[in-house]
Amino acid sequence: MRKKAGLLLVALSLALNVAFVTVWALHALPSLTPEPGPAAEEGIWCPLHRRLGATETQWRQIAPRLVEFQDAARAVCEDVNRSRAELIDLIAEPEPDLEAIRGKQDEILAGQRRMQGLVIDYLLAEKDALTPEQQRQLFDMLRQQAGCSGHGPISEPMRSSPSCRSPGPGNHGRMMENE
C-alpha cells in the first residue's frame, strides 16, 4: 500500500512540474497570427517588447531569436507532454513497472531541464539587445510573474504574464497581453 501511495505522490509531483512547463510553454509559444492594430503595423508584434519600449532596431535583433526560441520550446514541450502521457500509462498499468516509471520520470526531468536551459539562454541573449532600464523592467516583470499556483516565492501565476506570439499564417489565436 505504501508503494502505491508513494507512486501516487510521485505522479502528482511530476504532474505539477509538467503543468508548470505546459502553462509556461502555452504562453510562450507562437500563435502564428499577428495582432491587428497599430502595434502590429509598426512591426513589434510582441506585447512584452512593446511594453518594454523596444525600438525597431532592438526588435530586429530580438524577433529572430524569439521565433527560434519559440520553435525550440515547442519541440521540448511536445517531448515533455509525450513523456508525461507515457508516464501516466505506465502508472495505470495493472502491475506498474517501477523501473520504467523512474526512467520516464528521468526523461521528464531532463525535458524540463532542457526547457529551463532554453529560457536561460534566450534571456541572456535578449539581455544584450536591451538597455539597462529595459533589462530592469523585464526582470522585474519576470520576478512578479514567476509563480505557479503557490509553488514559488511569487504569488502571481504565470498565466497572467505578457507573452509574445510570433506572427504567421494558419492560426487565428490572439496574443496574450497584460496591459
C-alpha atoms as a PDB file:
ATOM      1  CA  MET A   1       0.000   0.000   0.000  1.00  0.00           C
ATOM      2  CA  ARG A   2       2.879   2.364   0.781  1.00  0.00           C
ATOM      3  CA  LYS A   3       4.373   1.776  -2.664  1.00  0.00           C
ATOM      4  CA  LYS A   4       1.118   2.772  -4.331  1.00  0.00           C
ATOM      5  CA  ALA A   5       0.814   5.895  -2.179  1.00  0.00           C
ATOM      6  CA  GLY A   6       4.425   6.772  -2.973  1.00  0.00           C
ATOM      7  CA  LEU A   7       3.795   6.265  -6.673  1.00  0.00           C
ATOM      8  CA  LEU A   8       0.739   8.462  -6.485  1.00  0.00           C
ATOM      9  CA  LEU A   9       2.717  11.225  -4.760  1.00  0.00           C
ATOM     10  CA  VAL A  10       5.482  10.986  -7.357  1.00  0.00           C
ATOM     11  CA  ALA A  11       2.928  11.113 -10.168  1.00  0.00           C
ATOM     12  CA  LEU A  12       1.218  14.147  -8.632  1.00  0.00           C
ATOM     13  CA  SER A  13       4.551  15.896  -8.160  1.00  0.00           C
ATOM     14  CA  LEU A  14       5.502  15.230 -11.757  1.00  0.00           C
ATOM     15  CA  ALA A  15       2.090  16.376 -12.942  1.00  0.00           C
ATOM     16  CA  LEU A  16       2.559  19.700 -11.121  1.00  0.00           C
ATOM     17  CA  ASN A  17       6.011  20.156 -12.645  1.00  0.00           C
ATOM     18  CA  VAL A  18       4.722  19.314 -16.101  1.00  0.00           C
ATOM     19  CA  ALA A  19       1.770  21.640 -15.562  1.00  0.00           C
ATOM     20  CA  PHE A  20       4.194  24.480 -14.842  1.00  0.00           C
ATOM     21  CA  VAL A  21       6.170  23.817 -18.020  1.00  0.00           C
ATOM     22  CA  THR A  22       2.968  23.413 -20.024  1.00  0.00           C
ATOM     23  CA  VAL A  23       1.440  26.658 -18.749  1.00  0.00           C
ATOM     24  CA  TRP A  24       4.665  28.494 -19.442  1.00  0.00           C
ATOM     25  CA  ALA A  25       5.017  26.968 -22.902  1.00  0.00           C
ATOM     26  CA  LEU A  26       1.422  27.743 -23.842  1.00  0.00           C
ATOM     27  CA  HIS A  27       2.102  31.377 -23.065  1.00  0.00           C
ATOM     28  CA  ALA A  28       5.464  31.420 -24.808  1.00  0.00           C
ATOM     29  CA  LEU A  29       4.636  29.504 -27.970  1.00  0.00           C
ATOM     30  CA  PRO A  30       3.616  31.326 -31.136  1.00  0.00           C
ATOM     31  CA  SER A  31       0.020  31.797 -32.170  1.00  0.00           C
ATOM     32  CA  LEU A  32       1.017  32.304 -35.819  1.00  0.00           C
ATOM     33  CA  THR A  33      -1.049  35.423 -36.468  1.00  0.00           C
ATOM     34  CA  PRO A  34      -0.132  38.993 -35.687  1.00  0.00           C
ATOM     35  CA  GLU A  35      -2.425  41.037 -33.548  1.00  0.00           C
ATOM     36  CA  PRO A  36      -4.347  43.542 -35.634  1.00  0.00           C
ATOM     37  CA  GLY A  37      -3.907  47.196 -34.896  1.00  0.00           C
ATOM     38  CA  PRO A  38      -1.241  49.888 -34.824  1.00  0.00           C
ATOM     39  CA  ALA A  39       1.325  47.885 -32.849  1.00  0.00           C
ATOM     40  CA  ALA A  40       1.308  45.049 -35.393  1.00  0.00           C
ATOM     41  CA  GLU A  41       1.621  47.548 -38.221  1.00  0.00           C
ATOM     42  CA  GLU A  42       4.700  49.028 -36.534  1.00  0.00           C
ATOM     43  CA  GLY A  43       6.331  45.619 -36.700  1.00  0.00           C
ATOM     44  CA  ILE A  44       6.679  44.844 -32.987  1.00  0.00           C
ATOM     45  CA  TRP A  45       4.098  42.074 -32.590  1.00  0.00           C
ATOM     46  CA  CYS A  46       5.109  41.158 -29.050  1.00  0.00           C
ATOM     47  CA  PRO A  47       3.198  42.984 -26.302  1.00  0.00           C
ATOM     48  CA  LEU A  48       6.036  42.385 -23.838  1.00  0.00           C
ATOM     49  CA  HIS A  49       8.547  44.144 -26.057  1.00  0.00           C
ATOM     50  CA  ARG A  50       6.096  46.941 -26.802  1.00  0.00           C
ATOM     51  CA  ARG A  51       5.643  47.333 -23.067  1.00  0.00           C
ATOM     52  CA  LEU A  52       9.426  47.479 -22.619  1.00  0.00           C
ATOM     53  CA  GLY A  53       9.557  50.205 -25.276  1.00  0.00           C
ATOM     54  CA  ALA A  54      11.786  48.248 -27.648  1.00  0.00           C
ATOM     55  CA  THR A  55      12.908  50.231 -30.667  1.00  0.00           C
ATOM     56  CA  GLU A  56      12.658  48.946 -34.232  1.00  0.00           C
ATOM     57  CA  THR A  57      16.441  48.414 -34.191  1.00  0.00           C
ATOM     58  CA  GLN A  58      16.221  46.366 -30.982  1.00  0.00           C
ATOM     59  CA  TRP A  59      13.254  44.452 -32.372  1.00  0.00           C
ATOM     60  CA  ARG A  60      15.212  43.459 -35.492  1.00  0.00           C
ATOM     61  CA  GLN A  61      17.740  41.808 -33.139  1.00  0.00           C
ATOM     62  CA  ILE A  62      15.164  40.276 -30.804  1.00  0.00           C
ATOM     63  CA  ALA A  63      12.493  38.936 -33.204  1.00  0.00           C
ATOM     64  CA  PRO A  64      14.558  36.236 -34.964  1.00  0.00           C
ATOM     65  CA  ARG A  65      15.875  34.966 -31.621  1.00  0.00           C
ATOM     66  CA  LEU A  66      12.351  34.937 -30.212  1.00  0.00           C
ATOM     67  CA  VAL A  67      10.977  32.884 -33.105  1.00  0.00           C
ATOM     68  CA  GLU A  68      13.925  30.458 -32.842  1.00  0.00           C
ATOM     69  CA  PHE A  69      13.372  30.153 -29.090  1.00  0.00           C
ATOM     70  CA  GLN A  70       9.642  29.527 -29.538  1.00  0.00           C
ATOM     71  CA  ASP A  71      10.277  26.785 -32.090  1.00  0.00           C
ATOM     72  CA  ALA A  72      12.778  25.067 -29.785  1.00  0.00           C
ATOM     73  CA  ALA A  73      10.476  25.488 -26.764  1.00  0.00           C
ATOM     74  CA  ARG A  74       7.540  23.977 -28.685  1.00  0.00           C
ATOM     75  CA  ALA A  75       9.616  20.884 -29.524  1.00  0.00           C
ATOM     76  CA  VAL A  76      10.721  20.412 -25.915  1.00  0.00           C
ATOM     77  CA  CYS A  77       7.178  20.951 -24.644  1.00  0.00           C
ATOM     78  CA  GLU A  78       5.840  18.324 -27.042  1.00  0.00           C
ATOM     79  CA  ASP A  79       8.516  15.862 -25.855  1.00  0.00           C
ATOM     80  CA  VAL A  80       7.714  16.508 -22.191  1.00  0.00           C
ATOM     81  CA  ASN A  81       3.985  16.157 -22.800  1.00  0.00           C
ATOM     82  CA  ARG A  82       4.525  12.905 -24.693  1.00  0.00           C
ATOM     83  CA  SER A  83       6.675  11.559 -21.825  1.00  0.00           C
ATOM     84  CA  ARG A  84       4.057  12.683 -19.310  1.00  0.00           C
ATOM     85  CA  ALA A  85       1.346  10.746 -21.158  1.00  0.00           C
ATOM     86  CA  GLU A  86       3.622   7.702 -21.271  1.00  0.00           C
ATOM     87  CA  LEU A  87       4.260   8.046 -17.519  1.00  0.00           C
ATOM     88  CA  ILE A  88       0.547   8.092 -16.813  1.00  0.00           C
ATOM     89  CA  ASP A  89       0.147   4.959 -18.951  1.00  0.00           C
ATOM     90  CA  LEU A  90       2.946   3.248 -17.010  1.00  0.00           C
ATOM     91  CA  ILE A  91       1.359   4.147 -13.675  1.00  0.00           C
ATOM     92  CA  ALA A  92      -2.058   2.991 -14.898  1.00  0.00           C
ATOM     93  CA  GLU A  93      -0.764  -0.499 -15.724  1.00  0.00           C
ATOM     94  CA  PRO A  94      -2.244  -3.254 -13.519  1.00  0.00           C
ATOM     95  CA  GLU A  95       1.293  -4.176 -12.430  1.00  0.00           C
ATOM     96  CA  PRO A  96       3.313  -0.924 -12.687  1.00  0.00           C
ATOM     97  CA  ASP A  97       6.997  -1.339 -13.548  1.00  0.00           C
ATOM     98  CA  LEU A  98       8.770   0.905 -11.036  1.00  0.00           C
ATOM     99  CA  GLU A  99      11.995   0.894 -13.013  1.00  0.00           C
ATOM    100  CA  ALA A 100      10.203   2.027 -16.174  1.00  0.00           C
ATOM    101  CA  ILE A 101       8.339   4.692 -14.166  1.00  0.00           C
ATOM    102  CA  ARG A 102      11.599   6.029 -12.739  1.00  0.00           C
ATOM    103  CA  GLY A 103      13.122   6.047 -16.220  1.00  0.00           C
ATOM    104  CA  LYS A 104      10.168   8.038 -17.530  1.00  0.00           C
ATOM    105  CA  GLN A 105      10.499  10.442 -14.587  1.00  0.00           C
ATOM    106  CA  ASP A 106      14.116  10.983 -15.590  1.00  0.00           C
ATOM    107  CA  GLU A 107      13.031  11.718 -19.175  1.00  0.00           C
ATOM    108  CA  ILE A 108      10.531  14.300 -17.960  1.00  0.00           C
ATOM    109  CA  LEU A 109      13.047  15.934 -15.655  1.00  0.00           C
ATOM    110  CA  ALA A 110      15.597  16.051 -18.489  1.00  0.00           C
ATOM    111  CA  GLY A 111      12.997  17.742 -20.701  1.00  0.00           C
ATOM    112  CA  GLN A 112      12.201  20.273 -18.002  1.00  0.00           C
ATOM    113  CA  ARG A 113      15.921  20.956 -17.641  1.00  0.00           C
ATOM    114  CA  ARG A 114      16.213  21.461 -21.425  1.00  0.00           C
ATOM    115  CA  MET A 115      13.326  23.932 -21.280  1.00  0.00           C
ATOM    116  CA  GLN A 116      14.953  25.776 -18.414  1.00  0.00           C
ATOM    117  CA  GLY A 117      18.217  25.901 -20.378  1.00  0.00           C
ATOM    118  CA  LEU A 118      16.412  27.308 -23.425  1.00  0.00           C
ATOM    119  CA  VAL A 119      14.812  30.024 -21.318  1.00  0.00           C
ATOM    120  CA  ILE A 120      18.098  30.970 -19.669  1.00  0.00           C
ATOM    121  CA  ASP A 121      19.968  31.048 -22.984  1.00  0.00           C
ATOM    122  CA  TYR A 122      17.219  33.160 -24.545  1.00  0.00           C
ATOM    123  CA  LEU A 123      17.133  35.644 -21.664  1.00  0.00           C
ATOM    124  CA  LEU A 124      20.912  36.025 -21.723  1.00  0.00           C
ATOM    125  CA  ALA A 125      20.844  36.699 -25.474  1.00  0.00           C
ATOM    126  CA  GLU A 126      17.911  39.101 -25.229  1.00  0.00           C
ATOM    127  CA  LYS A 127      19.539  40.969 -22.379  1.00  0.00           C
ATOM    128  CA  ASP A 128      22.271  42.090 -24.794  1.00  0.00           C
ATOM    129  CA  ALA A 129      19.710  43.858 -27.016  1.00  0.00           C
ATOM    130  CA  LEU A 130      18.018  45.762 -24.180  1.00  0.00           C
ATOM    131  CA  THR A 131      19.040  48.939 -22.397  1.00  0.00           C
ATOM    132  CA  PRO A 132      19.794  48.695 -18.660  1.00  0.00           C
ATOM    133  CA  GLU A 133      16.366  50.220 -17.879  1.00  0.00           C
ATOM    134  CA  GLN A 134      14.588  47.754 -20.184  1.00  0.00           C
ATOM    135  CA  GLN A 135      16.524  44.902 -18.566  1.00  0.00           C
ATOM    136  CA  ARG A 136      15.414  46.096 -15.129  1.00  0.00           C
ATOM    137  CA  GLN A 137      11.780  46.237 -16.303  1.00  0.00           C
ATOM    138  CA  LEU A 138      11.991  42.790 -17.909  1.00  0.00           C
ATOM    139  CA  PHE A 139      13.477  41.123 -14.847  1.00  0.00           C
ATOM    140  CA  ASP A 140      11.055  42.919 -12.530  1.00  0.00           C
ATOM    141  CA  MET A 141       8.157  41.567 -14.645  1.00  0.00           C
ATOM    142  CA  LEU A 142       9.659  38.076 -14.573  1.00  0.00           C
ATOM    143  CA  ARG A 143      10.020  38.229 -10.798  1.00  0.00           C
ATOM    144  CA  GLN A 144       6.391  39.321 -10.445  1.00  0.00           C
ATOM    145  CA  GLN A 145       5.065  36.677 -12.844  1.00  0.00           C
ATOM    146  CA  ALA A 146       7.247  33.685 -11.977  1.00  0.00           C
ATOM    147  CA  GLY A 147       4.952  31.832  -9.575  1.00  0.00           C
ATOM    148  CA  CYS A 148       2.947  28.715 -10.325  1.00  0.00           C
ATOM    149  CA  SER A 149      -0.126  28.074  -8.208  1.00  0.00           C
ATOM    150  CA  GLY A 150       1.665  28.900  -4.994  1.00  0.00           C
ATOM    151  CA  HIS A 151       4.770  26.804  -5.777  1.00  0.00           C
ATOM    152  CA  GLY A 152       7.206  29.646  -5.606  1.00  0.00           C
ATOM    153  CA  PRO A 153       8.062  32.811  -3.775  1.00  0.00           C
ATOM    154  CA  ILE A 154       5.936  34.909  -6.118  1.00  0.00           C
ATOM    155  CA  SER A 155       2.179  34.868  -5.705  1.00  0.00           C
ATOM    156  CA  GLU A 156       1.012  35.824  -9.223  1.00  0.00           C
ATOM    157  CA  PRO A 157       0.742  32.777 -11.559  1.00  0.00           C
ATOM    158  CA  MET A 158       2.401  32.909 -14.957  1.00  0.00           C
ATOM    159  CA  ARG A 159      -0.921  32.642 -16.727  1.00  0.00           C
ATOM    160  CA  SER A 160      -1.285  36.407 -16.479  1.00  0.00           C
ATOM    161  CA  SER A 161       2.172  37.194 -17.843  1.00  0.00           C
ATOM    162  CA  PRO A 162       2.515  39.157 -21.043  1.00  0.00           C
ATOM    163  CA  SER A 163       3.699  36.772 -23.707  1.00  0.00           C
ATOM    164  CA  CYS A 164       4.881  37.038 -27.250  1.00  0.00           C
ATOM    165  CA  ARG A 165       3.401  35.034 -30.039  1.00  0.00           C
ATOM    166  CA  SER A 166       5.065  35.225 -33.394  1.00  0.00           C
ATOM    167  CA  PRO A 167       3.068  36.096 -36.496  1.00  0.00           C
ATOM    168  CA  GLY A 168       2.431  33.716 -39.338  1.00  0.00           C
ATOM    169  CA  PRO A 169      -0.291  32.029 -41.373  1.00  0.00           C
ATOM    170  CA  GLY A 170      -2.746  29.379 -40.329  1.00  0.00           C
ATOM    171  CA  ASN A 171      -3.773  30.075 -36.746  1.00  0.00           C
ATOM    172  CA  HIS A 172      -6.313  32.616 -35.575  1.00  0.00           C
ATOM    173  CA  GLY A 173      -5.203  32.830 -31.939  1.00  0.00           C
ATOM    174  CA  ARG A 174      -4.575  36.140 -30.215  1.00  0.00           C
ATOM    175  CA  MET A 175      -1.520  37.265 -28.377  1.00  0.00           C
ATOM    176  CA  MET A 176      -1.768  37.336 -24.617  1.00  0.00           C
ATOM    177  CA  GLU A 177      -1.490  40.817 -23.173  1.00  0.00           C
ATOM    178  CA  ASN A 178      -1.343  42.009 -19.616  1.00  0.00           C
ATOM    179  CA  GLU A 179      -1.576  45.734 -20.127  1.00  0.00           C
END
